[in-house]
Amino acid sequence: MTVFVSELSHRIKVTHNLHVKLEKMLRENHIEIPSHQREIIYCEMAEKSS
């Protein structure tokens, strides 16, 4: 989401407030937006003996 504000110092607060209101509206209307799912695969490798 792009936000244009008159003062740069207001940007974080305005962006946060918009995100909070948007999330609230989505939840109230039972709308889910899937987020990216990241899969992490962890393999522990045996150390080589010298």
N, C-alpha and C. Protein backbone atom coordinates (compact mmCIF):
# COMPACT_ATOMS: atom_id res chain seq x y z
N MET A 1 0.84 -1.15 0.00
CA MET A 1 0.00 0.00 0.00
C MET A 1 0.90 1.23 0.00
N THR A 2 0.60 2.16 -0.86
CA THR A 2 1.35 3.40 -0.92
C THR A 2 0.56 4.49 -0.23
N VAL A 3 1.24 5.26 0.60
CA VAL A 3 0.59 6.33 1.35
C VAL A 3 1.33 7.62 1.11
N PHE A 4 0.56 8.65 0.78
CA PHE A 4 1.14 9.98 0.60
C PHE A 4 0.62 10.87 1.73
N VAL A 5 1.53 11.50 2.45
CA VAL A 5 1.16 12.37 3.56
C VAL A 5 1.85 13.71 3.40
N SER A 6 1.31 14.71 4.06
CA SER A 6 1.89 16.05 3.92
C SER A 6 3.23 16.18 4.64
N GLU A 7 3.40 15.42 5.73
CA GLU A 7 4.64 15.44 6.49
C GLU A 7 5.21 14.03 6.57
N LEU A 8 6.45 13.88 6.27
CA LEU A 8 7.09 12.57 6.31
C LEU A 8 6.99 11.94 7.71
N SER A 9 7.03 12.76 8.72
CA SER A 9 6.97 12.25 10.10
C SER A 9 5.62 11.59 10.41
N HIS A 10 4.60 11.83 9.61
CA HIS A 10 3.27 11.24 9.83
C HIS A 10 3.11 9.90 9.13
N ARG A 11 4.02 9.58 8.25
CA ARG A 11 3.88 8.40 7.38
C ARG A 11 3.68 7.10 8.14
N ILE A 12 4.51 6.82 9.14
CA ILE A 12 4.43 5.55 9.86
C ILE A 12 3.10 5.43 10.59
N LYS A 13 2.70 6.48 11.28
CA LYS A 13 1.44 6.45 12.03
C LYS A 13 0.25 6.27 11.09
N VAL A 14 0.23 6.99 9.99
CA VAL A 14 -0.89 6.90 9.04
C VAL A 14 -0.93 5.51 8.41
N THR A 15 0.21 5.00 8.00
CA THR A 15 0.27 3.67 7.41
C THR A 15 -0.22 2.62 8.40
N HIS A 16 0.22 2.71 9.63
CA HIS A 16 -0.20 1.77 10.66
C HIS A 16 -1.72 1.82 10.87
N ASN A 17 -2.25 3.02 11.00
CA ASN A 17 -3.69 3.18 11.21
C ASN A 17 -4.50 2.61 10.04
N LEU A 18 -4.03 2.81 8.83
CA LEU A 18 -4.71 2.25 7.66
C LEU A 18 -4.68 0.73 7.68
N HIS A 19 -3.54 0.16 8.01
CA HIS A 19 -3.43 -1.30 8.08
C HIS A 19 -4.35 -1.88 9.14
N VAL A 20 -4.41 -1.23 10.31
CA VAL A 20 -5.27 -1.70 11.40
C VAL A 20 -6.74 -1.64 10.98
N LYS A 21 -7.15 -0.54 10.38
CA LYS A 21 -8.55 -0.41 9.95
C LYS A 21 -8.90 -1.40 8.84
N LEU A 22 -7.98 -1.59 7.91
CA LEU A 22 -8.21 -2.54 6.83
C LEU A 22 -8.35 -3.96 7.38
N GLU A 23 -7.46 -4.34 8.28
CA GLU A 23 -7.53 -5.68 8.86
C GLU A 23 -8.83 -5.87 9.63
N LYS A 24 -9.25 -4.86 10.37
CA LYS A 24 -10.50 -4.94 11.12
C LYS A 24 -11.70 -5.13 10.18
N MET A 25 -11.73 -4.39 9.10
CA MET A 25 -12.83 -4.50 8.14
C MET A 25 -12.85 -5.87 7.48
N LEU A 26 -11.68 -6.38 7.14
CA LEU A 26 -11.61 -7.70 6.52
C LEU A 26 -12.11 -8.78 7.48
N ARG A 27 -11.68 -8.70 8.74
CA ARG A 27 -12.13 -9.68 9.73
C ARG A 27 -13.63 -9.60 9.96
N GLU A 28 -14.17 -8.40 10.06
CA GLU A 28 -15.61 -8.22 10.29
C GLU A 28 -16.44 -8.80 9.15
N ASN A 29 -15.88 -8.80 7.96
CA ASN A 29 -16.59 -9.31 6.79
C ASN A 29 -16.15 -10.71 6.40
N HIS A 30 -15.41 -11.36 7.30
CA HIS A 30 -14.96 -12.74 7.11
C HIS A 30 -14.21 -12.94 5.79
N ILE A 31 -13.33 -11.99 5.52
CA ILE A 31 -12.52 -12.05 4.31
C ILE A 31 -11.09 -12.37 4.72
N GLU A 32 -10.57 -13.44 4.16
CA GLU A 32 -9.19 -13.84 4.44
C GLU A 32 -8.35 -13.69 3.18
N ILE A 33 -7.20 -13.09 3.35
CA ILE A 33 -6.27 -12.96 2.23
C ILE A 33 -5.07 -13.84 2.57
N PRO A 34 -4.84 -14.87 1.78
CA PRO A 34 -3.72 -15.77 2.09
C PRO A 34 -2.39 -15.03 1.97
N SER A 35 -1.52 -15.32 2.89
CA SER A 35 -0.19 -14.72 2.83
C SER A 35 0.78 -15.74 2.24
N HIS A 36 1.94 -15.27 1.89
CA HIS A 36 2.95 -16.16 1.32
C HIS A 36 3.36 -17.18 2.37
N GLN A 37 3.43 -18.39 1.95
CA GLN A 37 3.88 -19.44 2.85
C GLN A 37 5.32 -19.75 2.53
N ARG A 38 6.14 -19.71 3.53
CA ARG A 38 7.56 -20.01 3.34
C ARG A 38 7.87 -21.33 3.99
N GLU A 39 8.53 -22.17 3.24
CA GLU A 39 8.90 -23.47 3.75
C GLU A 39 10.39 -23.47 4.02
N ILE A 40 10.74 -23.85 5.22
CA ILE A 40 12.15 -23.90 5.59
C ILE A 40 12.51 -25.35 5.82
N ILE A 41 13.51 -25.81 5.11
CA ILE A 41 13.97 -27.19 5.25
C ILE A 41 15.35 -27.12 5.91
N TYR A 42 15.45 -27.81 7.03
CA TYR A 42 16.69 -27.80 7.78
C TYR A 42 17.30 -29.20 7.74
N CYS A 43 18.50 -29.28 7.25
CA CYS A 43 19.20 -30.56 7.20
C CYS A 43 20.49 -30.41 8.00
N GLU A 44 20.65 -31.31 8.91
CA GLU A 44 21.89 -31.30 9.68
C GLU A 44 22.83 -32.29 9.02
N MET A 45 23.96 -31.80 8.58
CA MET A 45 24.90 -32.66 7.88
C MET A 45 25.96 -33.16 8.85
N ALA A 46 26.33 -34.40 8.71
CA ALA A 46 27.36 -35.00 9.55
C ALA A 46 28.71 -34.34 9.22
N GLU A 47 29.47 -34.09 10.25
CA GLU A 47 30.80 -33.49 10.04
C GLU A 47 31.74 -34.56 9.49
N LYS A 48 32.59 -34.13 8.58
CA LYS A 48 33.59 -35.05 8.03
C LYS A 48 34.73 -35.22 9.01
N SER A 49 35.18 -36.44 9.17
CA SER A 49 36.34 -36.72 10.03
C SER A 49 37.59 -36.54 9.20
N SER A 50 38.59 -35.87 9.78
CA SER A 50 39.86 -35.66 9.05
C SER A 50 40.80 -36.78 9.30
